[in-house]
C-alpha atoms as a PDB file:
ATOM      1  CA  MET A   1       0.003   0.174   0.067  1.00  0.00           C
ATOM      2  CA  THR A   2       1.001   3.047  -0.893  1.00  0.00           C
ATOM      3  CA  ASN A   3       0.613   6.965  -0.422  1.00  0.00           C
ATOM      4  CA  GLU A   4       1.476   8.395  -3.952  1.00  0.00           C
ATOM      5  CA  PRO A   5      -2.475   9.288  -4.376  1.00  0.00           C
ATOM      6  CA  LEU A   6      -2.561  10.887  -0.916  1.00  0.00           C
ATOM      7  CA  GLU A   7       0.365  12.886  -1.833  1.00  0.00           C
ATOM      8  CA  ALA A   8      -0.298  13.871  -5.158  1.00  0.00           C
ATOM      9  CA  SER A   9      -3.779  14.987  -3.333  1.00  0.00           C
ATOM     10  CA  LYS A  10      -1.729  17.305  -0.936  1.00  0.00           C
ATOM     11  CA  LYS A  11       0.487  18.470  -3.824  1.00  0.00           C
ATOM     12  CA  GLY A  12      -2.327  19.816  -5.587  1.00  0.00           C
ATOM     13  CA  GLU A  13      -4.070  21.259  -2.508  1.00  0.00           C
ATOM     14  CA  ARG A  14      -0.949  23.110  -1.502  1.00  0.00           C
ATOM     15  CA  MET A  15      -0.441  24.317  -5.356  1.00  0.00           C
ATOM     16  CA  ALA A  16      -3.868  25.804  -4.980  1.00  0.00           C
ATOM     17  CA  ASN A  17      -2.914  27.444  -1.729  1.00  0.00           C
ATOM     18  CA  LEU A  18      -0.109  29.053  -3.000  1.00  0.00           C
ATOM     19  CA  GLN A  19      -2.227  30.401  -6.233  1.00  0.00           C
ATOM     20  CA  GLU A  20      -4.899  31.742  -3.588  1.00  0.00           C
ATOM     21  CA  LEU A  21      -2.062  33.516  -1.599  1.00  0.00           C
ATOM     22  CA  ASP A  22      -0.393  34.763  -4.620  1.00  0.00           C
ATOM     23  CA  LYS A  23      -3.693  36.502  -6.068  1.00  0.00           C
ATOM     24  CA  SER A  24      -4.671  37.887  -2.549  1.00  0.00           C
ATOM     25  CA  PHE A  25      -1.121  39.186  -2.023  1.00  0.00           C
ATOM     26  CA  SER A  26      -1.275  40.730  -5.695  1.00  0.00           C
ATOM     27  CA  ILE A  27      -4.512  42.281  -5.011  1.00  0.00           C
ATOM     28  CA  HIS A  28      -2.809  43.502  -1.315  1.00  0.00           C
ATOM     29  CA  GLU A  29       0.172  45.242  -3.232  1.00  0.00           C
ATOM     30  CA  GLN A  30      -2.361  47.105  -5.522  1.00  0.00           C
ATOM     31  CA  VAL A  31      -4.412  48.166  -2.976  1.00  0.00           C
ATOM     32  CA  CYS A  32      -1.416  49.447  -0.624  1.00  0.00           C
ATOM     33  CA  ALA A  33      -0.058  51.088  -3.861  1.00  0.00           C
ATOM     34  CA  GLU A  34      -3.360  53.144  -4.071  1.00  0.00           C
ATOM     35  CA  ARG A  35      -3.539  54.067  -0.626  1.00  0.00           C
ATOM     36  CA  TRP A  36       0.180  55.461  -0.697  1.00  0.00           C
ATOM     37  CA  LYS A  37      -0.865  57.248  -3.915  1.00  0.00           C
ATOM     38  CA  GLU A  38      -3.766  58.812  -1.932  1.00  0.00           C
ATOM     39  CA  THR A  39      -1.773  59.078   1.308  1.00  0.00           C
ATOM     40  CA  ILE A  40       1.106  61.475  -0.988  1.00  0.00           C
ATOM     41  CA  LEU A  41      -1.518  63.531  -2.451  1.00  0.00           C
ATOM     42  CA  ARG A  42      -2.805  64.213   1.123  1.00  0.00           C
ATOM     43  CA  ILE A  43       0.429  65.451   2.469  1.00  0.00           C
ATOM     44  CA  LYS A  44       1.211  67.580  -0.527  1.00  0.00           C
ATOM     45  CA  ARG A  45      -1.932  69.516  -0.063  1.00  0.00           C
ATOM     46  CA  LEU A  46      -1.213  69.788   3.645  1.00  0.00           C
ATOM     47  CA  GLU A  47       2.252  71.003   2.724  1.00  0.00           C
ATOM     48  CA  THR A  48       0.939  73.937   0.599  1.00  0.00           C
ATOM     49  CA  VAL A  49      -1.870  74.896   3.029  1.00  0.00           C
ATOM     50  CA  LEU A  50       0.906  75.176   5.506  1.00  0.00           C
ATOM     51  CA  VAL A  51       3.240  76.857   3.223  1.00  0.00           C
ATOM     52  CA  GLY A  52       0.316  79.447   2.061  1.00  0.00           C
ATOM     53  CA  SER A  53      -0.299  79.990   5.887  1.00  0.00           C
ATOM     54  CA  ALA A  54       3.384  80.540   6.361  1.00  0.00           C
ATOM     55  CA  GLY A  55       3.561  83.312   3.615  1.00  0.00           C
ATOM     56  CA  ALA A  56       0.563  84.980   5.158  1.00  0.00           C
ATOM     57  CA  ILE A  57       1.700  85.271   8.653  1.00  0.00           C
ATOM     58  CA  ILE A  58       5.029  86.383   7.263  1.00  0.00           C
ATOM     59  CA  LEU A  59       3.592  89.236   5.323  1.00  0.00           C
ATOM     60  CA  LEU A  60       1.034  90.020   8.051  1.00  0.00           C
ATOM     61  CA  LEU A  61       4.033  90.436  10.646  1.00  0.00           C
ATOM     62  CA  LEU A  62       5.949  92.591   7.977  1.00  0.00           C
ATOM     63  CA  GLY A  63       3.111  94.741   7.919  1.00  0.00           C
ATOM     64  CA  ILE A  64       2.568  95.068  11.699  1.00  0.00           C
ATOM     65  CA  VAL A  65       6.426  95.738  11.700  1.00  0.00           C
ATOM     66  CA  PHE A  66       6.203  98.442   9.127  1.00  0.00           C
ATOM     67  CA  LYS A  67       3.169 100.087  10.255  1.00  0.00           C
ATOM     68  CA  VAL A  68       4.940 100.670  13.790  1.00  0.00           C
ATOM     69  CA  HIS A  69       8.230 102.255  12.378  1.00  0.00           C
END
């Protein structure tokens, strides 16, 4: 009595599991890539707002300094 059919069955199951894992991982990579793109866009938008605010504050302070003197 040999275990050849059992071995072949287990090998097929392992291959199916590997294929499922590969598919799942590929989907995960795509989702993460999209999330990073969105994160980078949000950071750039926040940076723009901060730079604009800093510029406005600097101009406001310069205006106050020149009005005093």
